Amino acid sequence: MLVIRRRPGEALMIGDDIEIEILETGGAHVKLGIRAPKSVPVARKEIYVVGRQNQAASRPIPPVAVEELLGQLKKPSLKPISAL
Protein backbone atom coordinates (compact mmCIF):
# COMPACT_ATOMS: atom_id res chain seq x y z
CA MET A 1 0.00 0.00 0.00
CA LEU A 2 1.28 3.41 -0.93
CA VAL A 3 0.79 6.03 1.80
CA ILE A 4 0.80 9.69 0.76
CA ARG A 5 0.32 12.63 3.11
CA ARG A 6 -1.75 15.48 1.71
CA ARG A 7 -3.28 18.62 3.20
CA PRO A 8 -6.59 20.27 2.28
CA GLY A 9 -6.31 21.82 -1.17
CA GLU A 10 -3.65 19.35 -2.29
CA ALA A 11 -4.31 16.54 -4.74
CA LEU A 12 -2.86 13.38 -6.17
CA MET A 13 -3.16 11.82 -9.60
CA ILE A 14 -3.88 8.22 -10.52
CA GLY A 15 -2.75 7.72 -14.08
CA ASP A 16 -3.36 10.64 -16.43
CA ASP A 17 -7.06 11.16 -15.87
CA ILE A 18 -8.03 10.53 -12.23
CA GLU A 19 -7.47 13.29 -9.69
CA ILE A 20 -8.20 13.00 -5.97
CA GLU A 21 -8.24 16.27 -4.04
CA ILE A 22 -8.35 16.66 -0.26
CA LEU A 23 -11.22 19.07 0.40
CA GLU A 24 -11.47 19.00 4.20
CA THR A 25 -10.00 17.20 7.18
CA GLY A 26 -11.28 17.15 10.71
CA GLY A 27 -11.10 14.67 13.53
CA ALA A 28 -11.38 11.20 12.08
CA HIS A 29 -12.91 12.35 8.78
CA VAL A 30 -11.51 13.32 5.40
CA LYS A 31 -13.60 14.82 2.60
CA LEU A 32 -12.32 13.89 -0.86
CA GLY A 33 -13.13 15.28 -4.29
CA ILE A 34 -12.64 12.83 -7.16
CA ARG A 35 -12.39 13.80 -10.82
CA ALA A 36 -12.52 10.78 -13.11
CA PRO A 37 -13.92 9.95 -16.54
CA LYS A 38 -17.55 8.81 -16.50
CA SER A 39 -16.36 5.45 -17.79
CA VAL A 40 -14.51 4.82 -14.48
CA PRO A 41 -16.85 3.66 -11.72
CA VAL A 42 -16.22 5.36 -8.36
CA ALA A 43 -17.88 3.99 -5.21
CA ARG A 44 -17.27 3.64 -1.50
CA LYS A 45 -15.69 0.28 -0.76
CA GLU A 46 -18.56 -0.99 1.40
CA ILE A 47 -21.01 -0.29 -1.46
CA TYR A 48 -18.67 -2.00 -3.93
CA VAL A 49 -18.35 -5.09 -1.71
CA VAL A 50 -22.12 -5.40 -1.21
CA GLY A 51 -22.65 -5.06 -4.96
CA ARG A 52 -20.17 -7.87 -5.63
CA GLN A 53 -21.85 -10.06 -3.00
CA ASN A 54 -25.25 -9.40 -4.57
CA GLN A 55 -23.91 -10.33 -8.01
CA ALA A 56 -22.46 -13.56 -6.66
CA ALA A 57 -25.71 -14.41 -4.85
CA SER A 58 -27.79 -13.82 -7.97
CA ARG A 59 -25.83 -16.20 -10.18
CA PRO A 60 -27.85 -19.26 -11.14
CA ILE A 61 -27.05 -22.50 -9.38
CA PRO A 62 -26.41 -25.43 -11.73
CA PRO A 63 -29.07 -28.16 -11.39
CA VAL A 64 -26.36 -30.72 -10.64
CA ALA A 65 -25.27 -28.69 -7.59
CA VAL A 66 -28.87 -28.47 -6.36
CA GLU A 67 -29.33 -32.24 -6.70
CA GLU A 68 -26.06 -32.85 -4.87
CA LEU A 69 -27.10 -30.56 -2.03
CA LEU A 70 -30.50 -32.20 -1.75
CA GLY A 71 -28.82 -35.60 -1.59
CA GLN A 72 -26.70 -34.42 1.35
CA LEU A 73 -29.67 -33.21 3.38
CA LYS A 74 -31.05 -35.64 5.89
CA LYS A 75 -34.72 -36.41 5.72
CA PRO A 76 -36.45 -35.38 8.93
CA SER A 77 -37.74 -38.24 11.01
CA LEU A 78 -41.43 -37.94 11.74
CA LYS A 79 -42.17 -38.80 15.34
CA PRO A 80 -45.72 -39.07 16.55
CA ILE A 81 -46.82 -36.45 19.01
CA SER A 82 -47.59 -38.20 22.26
CA ALA A 83 -50.94 -37.55 23.86
CA LEU A 84 -50.84 -35.27 26.85
PDB file of N, CA and C in Angstrom:
ATOM      1  N   MET A   1       0.849  -1.171   0.000  1.00  0.00           N
ATOM      2  CA  MET A   1       0.000   0.000   0.000  1.00  0.00           C
ATOM      3  C   MET A   1       0.894   1.234   0.000  1.00  0.00           C
ATOM      4  N   LEU A   2       0.573   2.137  -0.861  1.00  0.00           N
ATOM      5  CA  LEU A   2       1.277   3.412  -0.929  1.00  0.00           C
ATOM      6  C   LEU A   2       0.588   4.384   0.013  1.00  0.00           C
ATOM      7  N   VAL A   3       1.337   5.047   0.876  1.00  0.00           N
ATOM      8  CA  VAL A   3       0.786   6.029   1.803  1.00  0.00           C
ATOM      9  C   VAL A   3       1.322   7.393   1.406  1.00  0.00           C
ATOM     10  N   ILE A   4       0.421   8.337   1.174  1.00  0.00           N
ATOM     11  CA  ILE A   4       0.796   9.693   0.764  1.00  0.00           C
ATOM     12  C   ILE A   4       0.125  10.671   1.712  1.00  0.00           C
ATOM     13  N   ARG A   5       0.889  11.601   2.248  1.00  0.00           N
ATOM     14  CA  ARG A   5       0.323  12.631   3.114  1.00  0.00           C
ATOM     15  C   ARG A   5      -0.052  13.835   2.259  1.00  0.00           C
ATOM     16  N   ARG A   6      -1.248  14.317   2.445  1.00  0.00           N
ATOM     17  CA  ARG A   6      -1.751  15.485   1.714  1.00  0.00           C
ATOM     18  C   ARG A   6      -2.491  16.377   2.697  1.00  0.00           C
ATOM     19  N   ARG A   7      -2.541  17.647   2.397  1.00  0.00           N
ATOM     20  CA  ARG A   7      -3.284  18.621   3.202  1.00  0.00           C
ATOM     21  C   ARG A   7      -4.470  19.113   2.384  1.00  0.00           C
ATOM     22  N   PRO A   8      -5.463  19.718   3.043  1.00  0.00           N
ATOM     23  CA  PRO A   8      -6.590  20.265   2.281  1.00  0.00           C
ATOM     24  C   PRO A   8      -6.109  21.203   1.163  1.00  0.00           C
ATOM     25  N   GLY A   9      -6.698  21.033  -0.005  1.00  0.00           N
ATOM     26  CA  GLY A   9      -6.305  21.823  -1.171  1.00  0.00           C
ATOM     27  C   GLY A   9      -5.284  21.122  -2.039  1.00  0.00           C
ATOM     28  N   GLU A  10      -4.627  20.104  -1.511  1.00  0.00           N
ATOM     29  CA  GLU A  10      -3.645  19.352  -2.287  1.00  0.00           C
ATOM     30  C   GLU A  10      -4.337  18.159  -2.941  1.00  0.00           C
ATOM     31  N   ALA A  11      -3.706  17.633  -3.975  1.00  0.00           N
ATOM     32  CA  ALA A  11      -4.309  16.538  -4.735  1.00  0.00           C
ATOM     33  C   ALA A  11      -3.258  15.504  -5.094  1.00  0.00           C
ATOM     34  N   LEU A  12      -3.741  14.393  -5.605  1.00  0.00           N
ATOM     35  CA  LEU A  12      -2.860  13.376  -6.166  1.00  0.00           C
ATOM     36  C   LEU A  12      -3.506  12.851  -7.434  1.00  0.00           C
ATOM     37  N   MET A  13      -2.693  12.331  -8.313  1.00  0.00           N
ATOM     38  CA  MET A  13      -3.159  11.820  -9.596  1.00  0.00           C
ATOM     39  C   MET A  13      -2.997  10.303  -9.633  1.00  0.00           C
ATOM     40  N   ILE A  14      -3.971   9.645 -10.233  1.00  0.00           N
ATOM     41  CA  ILE A  14      -3.879   8.218 -10.524  1.00  0.00           C
ATOM     42  C   ILE A  14      -3.937   8.115 -12.035  1.00  0.00           C
ATOM     43  N   GLY A  15      -2.837   7.723 -12.623  1.00  0.00           N
ATOM     44  CA  GLY A  15      -2.753   7.724 -14.084  1.00  0.00           C
ATOM     45  C   GLY A  15      -2.813   9.156 -14.594  1.00  0.00           C
ATOM     46  N   ASP A  16      -3.294   9.312 -15.821  1.00  0.00           N
ATOM     47  CA  ASP A  16      -3.356  10.641 -16.429  1.00  0.00           C
ATOM     48  C   ASP A  16      -4.714  11.313 -16.263  1.00  0.00           C
ATOM     49  N   ASP A  17      -5.730  10.565 -15.832  1.00  0.00           N
ATOM     50  CA  ASP A  17      -7.058  11.155 -15.875  1.00  0.00           C
ATOM     51  C   ASP A  17      -7.894  11.024 -14.598  1.00  0.00           C
ATOM     52  N   ILE A  18      -7.297  10.598 -13.499  1.00  0.00           N
ATOM     53  CA  ILE A  18      -8.032  10.529 -12.233  1.00  0.00           C
ATOM     54  C   ILE A  18      -7.305  11.396 -11.213  1.00  0.00           C
ATOM     55  N   GLU A  19      -8.037  12.375 -10.682  1.00  0.00           N
ATOM     56  CA  GLU A  19      -7.473  13.287  -9.689  1.00  0.00           C
ATOM     57  C   GLU A  19      -8.277  13.172  -8.404  1.00  0.00           C
ATOM     58  N   ILE A  20      -7.569  13.056  -7.288  1.00  0.00           N
ATOM     59  CA  ILE A  20      -8.204  13.005  -5.975  1.00  0.00           C
ATOM     60  C   ILE A  20      -7.682  14.194  -5.182  1.00  0.00           C
ATOM     61  N   GLU A  21      -8.611  15.063  -4.781  1.00  0.00           N
ATOM     62  CA  GLU A  21      -8.240  16.273  -4.041  1.00  0.00           C
ATOM     63  C   GLU A  21      -8.763  16.174  -2.611  1.00  0.00           C
ATOM     64  N   ILE A  22      -7.943  16.602  -1.656  1.00  0.00           N
ATOM     65  CA  ILE A  22      -8.351  16.656  -0.257  1.00  0.00           C
ATOM     66  C   ILE A  22      -9.113  17.962  -0.080  1.00  0.00           C
ATOM     67  N   LEU A  23     -10.397  17.877   0.242  1.00  0.00           N
ATOM     68  CA  LEU A  23     -11.215  19.074   0.402  1.00  0.00           C
ATOM     69  C   LEU A  23     -11.223  19.563   1.840  1.00  0.00           C
ATOM     70  N   GLU A  24     -11.427  18.651   2.785  1.00  0.00           N
ATOM     71  CA  GLU A  24     -11.472  19.003   4.204  1.00  0.00           C
ATOM     72  C   GLU A  24     -10.923  17.863   5.043  1.00  0.00           C
ATOM     73  N   THR A  25     -10.376  18.203   6.182  1.00  0.00           N
ATOM     74  CA  THR A  25     -10.005  17.202   7.178  1.00  0.00           C
ATOM     75  C   THR A  25     -10.505  17.694   8.515  1.00  0.00           C
ATOM     76  N   GLY A  26     -10.826  16.776   9.377  1.00  0.00           N
ATOM     77  CA  GLY A  26     -11.281  17.152  10.711  1.00  0.00           C
ATOM     78  C   GLY A  26     -11.552  15.915  11.536  1.00  0.00           C
ATOM     79  N   GLY A  27     -10.912  15.842  12.675  1.00  0.00           N
ATOM     80  CA  GLY A  27     -11.105  14.674  13.535  1.00  0.00           C
ATOM     81  C   GLY A  27     -10.714  13.405  12.804  1.00  0.00           C
ATOM     82  N   ALA A  28     -11.654  12.484  12.724  1.00  0.00           N
ATOM     83  CA  ALA A  28     -11.383  11.198  12.078  1.00  0.00           C
ATOM     84  C   ALA A  28     -11.938  11.159  10.660  1.00  0.00           C
ATOM     85  N   HIS A  29     -12.284  12.324  10.093  1.00  0.00           N
ATOM     86  CA  HIS A  29     -12.915  12.354   8.777  1.00  0.00           C
ATOM     87  C   HIS A  29     -12.063  13.107   7.761  1.00  0.00           C
ATOM     88  N   VAL A  30     -12.156  12.664   6.524  1.00  0.00           N
ATOM     89  CA  VAL A  30     -11.506  13.323   5.403  1.00  0.00           C
ATOM     90  C   VAL A  30     -12.545  13.441   4.292  1.00  0.00           C
ATOM     91  N   LYS A  31     -12.670  14.624   3.717  1.00  0.00           N
ATOM     92  CA  LYS A  31     -13.595  14.818   2.600  1.00  0.00           C
ATOM     93  C   LYS A  31     -12.766  14.901   1.323  1.00  0.00           C
ATOM     94  N   LEU A  32     -13.070  13.991   0.380  1.00  0.00           N
ATOM     95  CA  LEU A  32     -12.316  13.894  -0.864  1.00  0.00           C
ATOM     96  C   LEU A  32     -13.160  14.379  -2.035  1.00  0.00           C
ATOM     97  N   GLY A  33     -12.498  14.966  -3.013  1.00  0.00           N
ATOM     98  CA  GLY A  33     -13.125  15.276  -4.288  1.00  0.00           C
ATOM     99  C   GLY A  33     -12.442  14.419  -5.339  1.00  0.00           C
ATOM    100  N   ILE A  34     -13.209  13.757  -6.173  1.00  0.00           N
ATOM    101  CA  ILE A  34     -12.641  12.834  -7.163  1.00  0.00           C
ATOM    102  C   ILE A  34     -13.081  13.276  -8.552  1.00  0.00           C
ATOM    103  N   ARG A  35     -12.110  13.507  -9.411  1.00  0.00           N
ATOM    104  CA  ARG A  35     -12.385  13.796 -10.822  1.00  0.00           C
ATOM    105  C   ARG A  35     -11.902  12.605 -11.628  1.00  0.00           C
ATOM    106  N   ALA A  36     -12.850  11.971 -12.315  1.00  0.00           N
ATOM    107  CA  ALA A  36     -12.523  10.783 -13.110  1.00  0.00           C
ATOM    108  C   ALA A  36     -13.453  10.743 -14.313  1.00  0.00           C
ATOM    109  N   PRO A  37     -13.022  10.092 -15.384  1.00  0.00           N
ATOM    110  CA  PRO A  37     -13.916   9.946 -16.537  1.00  0.00           C
ATOM    111  C   PRO A  37     -15.183   9.190 -16.137  1.00  0.00           C
ATOM    112  N   LYS A  38     -16.285   9.484 -16.819  1.00  0.00           N
ATOM    113  CA  LYS A  38     -17.547   8.809 -16.503  1.00  0.00           C
ATOM    114  C   LYS A  38     -17.461   7.308 -16.720  1.00  0.00           C
ATOM    115  N   SER A  39     -16.508   6.879 -17.533  1.00  0.00           N
ATOM    116  CA  SER A  39     -16.357   5.446 -17.792  1.00  0.00           C
ATOM    117  C   SER A  39     -15.698   4.702 -16.628  1.00  0.00           C
ATOM    118  N   VAL A  40     -15.165   5.434 -15.637  1.00  0.00           N
ATOM    119  CA  VAL A  40     -14.507   4.820 -14.479  1.00  0.00           C
ATOM    120  C   VAL A  40     -15.479   4.838 -13.311  1.00  0.00           C
ATOM    121  N   PRO A  41     -15.930   3.673 -12.856  1.00  0.00           N
ATOM    122  CA  PRO A  41     -16.850   3.664 -11.715  1.00  0.00           C
ATOM    123  C   PRO A  41     -16.123   4.080 -10.433  1.00  0.00           C
ATOM    124  N   VAL A  42     -16.768   4.921  -9.642  1.00  0.00           N
ATOM    125  CA  VAL A  42     -16.220   5.360  -8.360  1.00  0.00           C
ATOM    126  C   VAL A  42     -17.280   5.092  -7.307  1.00  0.00           C
ATOM    127  N   ALA A  43     -16.929   4.320  -6.275  1.00  0.00           N
ATOM    128  CA  ALA A  43     -17.884   3.991  -5.214  1.00  0.00           C
ATOM    129  C   ALA A  43     -17.140   3.778  -3.910  1.00  0.00           C
ATOM    130  N   ARG A  44     -17.847   3.980  -2.803  1.00  0.00           N
ATOM    131  CA  ARG A  44     -17.269   3.639  -1.500  1.00  0.00           C
ATOM    132  C   ARG A  44     -17.058   2.129  -1.465  1.00  0.00           C
ATOM    133  N   LYS A  45     -16.041   1.700  -0.756  1.00  0.00           N
ATOM    134  CA  LYS A  45     -15.691   0.282  -0.758  1.00  0.00           C
ATOM    135  C   LYS A  45     -16.826  -0.590  -0.233  1.00  0.00           C
ATOM    136  N   GLU A  46     -17.504  -0.152   0.834  1.00  0.00           N
ATOM    137  CA  GLU A  46     -18.564  -0.992   1.396  1.00  0.00           C
ATOM    138  C   GLU A  46     -19.707  -1.174   0.392  1.00  0.00           C
ATOM    139  N   ILE A  47     -19.983  -0.166  -0.424  1.00  0.00           N
ATOM    140  CA  ILE A  47     -21.011  -0.286  -1.457  1.00  0.00           C
ATOM    141  C   ILE A  47     -20.522  -1.238  -2.558  1.00  0.00           C
ATOM    142  N   TYR A  48     -19.265  -1.126  -2.925  1.00  0.00           N
ATOM    143  CA  TYR A  48     -18.672  -2.004  -3.934  1.00  0.00           C
ATOM    144  C   TYR A  48     -18.741  -3.469  -3.488  1.00  0.00           C
ATOM    145  N   VAL A  49     -18.367  -3.719  -2.229  1.00  0.00           N
ATOM    146  CA  VAL A  49     -18.348  -5.094  -1.706  1.00  0.00           C
ATOM    147  C   VAL A  49     -19.761  -5.683  -1.698  1.00  0.00           C
ATOM    148  N   VAL A  50     -20.745  -4.905  -1.238  1.00  0.00           N
ATOM    149  CA  VAL A  50     -22.122  -5.397  -1.209  1.00  0.00           C
ATOM    150  C   VAL A  50     -22.608  -5.687  -2.627  1.00  0.00           C
ATOM    151  N   GLY A  51     -22.264  -4.829  -3.569  1.00  0.00           N
ATOM    152  CA  GLY A  51     -22.646  -5.062  -4.965  1.00  0.00           C
ATOM    153  C   GLY A  51     -22.074  -6.358  -5.498  1.00  0.00           C
ATOM    154  N   ARG A  52     -20.807  -6.615  -5.198  1.00  0.00           N
ATOM    155  CA  ARG A  52     -20.170  -7.867  -5.634  1.00  0.00           C
ATOM    156  C   ARG A  52     -20.843  -9.078  -4.986  1.00  0.00           C
ATOM    157  N   GLN A  53     -21.178  -8.967  -3.699  1.00  0.00           N
ATOM    158  CA  GLN A  53     -21.854 -10.065  -3.002  1.00  0.00           C
ATOM    159  C   GLN A  53     -23.227 -10.319  -3.616  1.00  0.00           C
ATOM    160  N   ASN A  54     -23.934  -9.239  -3.950  1.00  0.00           N
ATOM    161  CA  ASN A  54     -25.247  -9.402  -4.571  1.00  0.00           C
ATOM    162  C   ASN A  54     -25.136 -10.068  -5.942  1.00  0.00           C
ATOM    163  N   GLN A  55     -24.116  -9.688  -6.707  1.00  0.00           N
ATOM    164  CA  GLN A  55     -23.906 -10.326  -8.010  1.00  0.00           C
ATOM    165  C   GLN A  55     -23.637 -11.812  -7.849  1.00  0.00           C
ATOM    166  N   ALA A  56     -22.787 -12.154  -6.881  1.00  0.00           N
ATOM    167  CA  ALA A  56     -22.458 -13.564  -6.658  1.00  0.00           C
ATOM    168  C   ALA A  56     -23.692 -14.344  -6.205  1.00  0.00           C
ATOM    169  N   ALA A  57     -24.525 -13.727  -5.362  1.00  0.00           N
ATOM    170  CA  ALA A  57     -25.712 -14.408  -4.855  1.00  0.00           C
ATOM    171  C   ALA A  57     -26.773 -14.584  -5.934  1.00  0.00           C
ATOM    172  N   SER A  58     -26.752 -13.736  -6.941  1.00  0.00           N
ATOM    173  CA  SER A  58     -27.793 -13.815  -7.968  1.00  0.00           C
ATOM    174  C   SER A  58     -27.420 -14.727  -9.132  1.00  0.00           C
ATOM    175  N   ARG A  59     -26.227 -15.282  -9.107  1.00  0.00           N
ATOM    176  CA  ARG A  59     -25.834 -16.202 -10.176  1.00  0.00           C
ATOM    177  C   ARG A  59     -26.660 -17.484 -10.070  1.00  0.00           C
ATOM    178  N   PRO A  60     -27.061 -18.026 -11.197  1.00  0.00           N
ATOM    179  CA  PRO A  60     -27.850 -19.259 -11.139  1.00  0.00           C
ATOM    180  C   PRO A  60     -27.016 -20.433 -10.605  1.00  0.00           C
ATOM    181  N   ILE A  61     -27.694 -21.309  -9.908  1.00  0.00           N
ATOM    182  CA  ILE A  61     -27.047 -22.504  -9.377  1.00  0.00           C
ATOM    183  C   ILE A  61     -27.289 -23.636 -10.366  1.00  0.00           C
ATOM    184  N   PRO A  62     -26.223 -24.312 -10.793  1.00  0.00           N
ATOM    185  CA  PRO A  62     -26.413 -25.425 -11.732  1.00  0.00           C
ATOM    186  C   PRO A  62     -27.297 -26.510 -11.116  1.00  0.00           C
ATOM    187  N   PRO A  63     -28.181 -27.108 -11.910  1.00  0.00           N
ATOM    188  CA  PRO A  63     -29.072 -28.160 -11.391  1.00  0.00           C
ATOM    189  C   PRO A  63     -28.312 -29.310 -10.735  1.00  0.00           C
ATOM    190  N   VAL A  64     -27.146 -29.625 -11.225  1.00  0.00           N
ATOM    191  CA  VAL A  64     -26.356 -30.718 -10.636  1.00  0.00           C
ATOM    192  C   VAL A  64     -25.986 -30.365  -9.197  1.00  0.00           C
ATOM    193  N   ALA A  65     -25.632 -29.108  -8.946  1.00  0.00           N
ATOM    194  CA  ALA A  65     -25.271 -28.690  -7.591  1.00  0.00           C
ATOM    195  C   ALA A  65     -26.476 -28.756  -6.666  1.00  0.00           C
ATOM    196  N   VAL A  66     -27.653 -28.400  -7.170  1.00  0.00           N
ATOM    197  CA  VAL A  66     -28.870 -28.466  -6.362  1.00  0.00           C
ATOM    198  C   VAL A  66     -29.169 -29.919  -5.994  1.00  0.00           C
ATOM    199  N   GLU A  67     -29.080 -30.820  -6.968  1.00  0.00           N
ATOM    200  CA  GLU A  67     -29.332 -32.238  -6.699  1.00  0.00           C
ATOM    201  C   GLU A  67     -28.337 -32.792  -5.685  1.00  0.00           C
ATOM    202  N   GLU A  68     -27.088 -32.387  -5.808  1.00  0.00           N
ATOM    203  CA  GLU A  68     -26.056 -32.853  -4.870  1.00  0.00           C
ATOM    204  C   GLU A  68     -26.365 -32.366  -3.461  1.00  0.00           C
ATOM    205  N   LEU A  69     -26.763 -31.111  -3.341  1.00  0.00           N
ATOM    206  CA  LEU A  69     -27.102 -30.559  -2.031  1.00  0.00           C
ATOM    207  C   LEU A  69     -28.309 -31.268  -1.436  1.00  0.00           C
ATOM    208  N   LEU A  70     -29.321 -31.496  -2.244  1.00  0.00           N
ATOM    209  CA  LEU A  70     -30.501 -32.205  -1.751  1.00  0.00           C
ATOM    210  C   LEU A  70     -30.164 -33.617  -1.289  1.00  0.00           C
ATOM    211  N   GLY A  71     -29.238 -34.260  -1.976  1.00  0.00           N
ATOM    212  CA  GLY A  71     -28.818 -35.602  -1.588  1.00  0.00           C
ATOM    213  C   GLY A  71     -28.087 -35.612  -0.255  1.00  0.00           C
ATOM    214  N   GLN A  72     -27.442 -34.495   0.096  1.00  0.00           N
ATOM    215  CA  GLN A  72     -26.697 -34.415   1.355  1.00  0.00           C
ATOM    216  C   GLN A  72     -27.591 -34.103   2.550  1.00  0.00           C
ATOM    217  N   LEU A  73     -28.766 -33.554   2.283  1.00  0.00           N
ATOM    218  CA  LEU A  73     -29.675 -33.214   3.379  1.00  0.00           C
ATOM    219  C   LEU A  73     -30.304 -34.478   3.952  1.00  0.00           C
ATOM    220  N   LYS A  74     -30.418 -34.496   5.240  1.00  0.00           N
ATOM    221  CA  LYS A  74     -31.055 -35.640   5.892  1.00  0.00           C
ATOM    222  C   LYS A  74     -32.559 -35.417   5.881  1.00  0.00           C
ATOM    223  N   LYS A  75     -33.269 -36.494   5.661  1.00  0.00           N
ATOM    224  CA  LYS A  75     -34.717 -36.415   5.723  1.00  0.00           C
ATOM    225  C   LYS A  75     -35.132 -36.365   7.185  1.00  0.00           C
ATOM    226  N   PRO A  76     -36.038 -35.456   7.520  1.00  0.00           N
ATOM    227  CA  PRO A  76     -36.450 -35.378   8.931  1.00  0.00           C
ATOM    228  C   PRO A  76     -37.237 -36.618   9.328  1.00  0.00           C
ATOM    229  N   SER A  77     -37.001 -37.073  10.519  1.00  0.00           N
ATOM    230  CA  SER A  77     -37.741 -38.235  11.008  1.00  0.00           C
ATOM    231  C   SER A  77     -39.049 -37.736  11.620  1.00  0.00           C
ATOM    232  N   LEU A  78     -40.141 -38.353  11.227  1.00  0.00           N
ATOM    233  CA  LEU A  78     -41.433 -37.944  11.737  1.00  0.00           C
ATOM    234  C   LEU A  78     -41.748 -38.765  12.970  1.00  0.00           C
ATOM    235  N   LYS A  79     -41.826 -38.122  14.105  1.00  0.00           N
ATOM    236  CA  LYS A  79     -42.165 -38.800  15.338  1.00  0.00           C
ATOM    237  C   LYS A  79     -43.583 -38.416  15.733  1.00  0.00           C
ATOM    238  N   PRO A  80     -44.350 -39.389  16.150  1.00  0.00           N
ATOM    239  CA  PRO A  80     -45.722 -39.066  16.548  1.00  0.00           C
ATOM    240  C   PRO A  80     -45.722 -38.186  17.798  1.00  0.00           C
ATOM    241  N   ILE A  81     -46.672 -37.301  17.832  1.00  0.00           N
ATOM    242  CA  ILE A  81     -46.818 -36.446  19.012  1.00  0.00           C
ATOM    243  C   ILE A  81     -47.560 -37.259  20.059  1.00  0.00           C
ATOM    244  N   SER A  82     -46.966 -37.394  21.207  1.00  0.00           N
ATOM    245  CA  SER A  82     -47.592 -38.199  22.260  1.00  0.00           C
ATOM    246  C   SER A  82     -48.761 -37.427  22.873  1.00  0.00           C
ATOM    247  N   ALA A  83     -49.751 -38.168  23.249  1.00  0.00           N
ATOM    248  CA  ALA A  83     -50.939 -37.550  23.857  1.00  0.00           C
ATOM    249  C   ALA A  83     -50.569 -37.035  25.226  1.00  0.00           C
ATOM    250  N   LEU A  84     -51.130 -35.882  25.541  1.00  0.00           N
ATOM    251  CA  LEU A  84     -50.845 -35.267  26.846  1.00  0.00           C
ATOM    252  C   LEU A  84     -51.754 -35.778  27.908  1.00  0.00           C
TER     253      LEU A  84
END
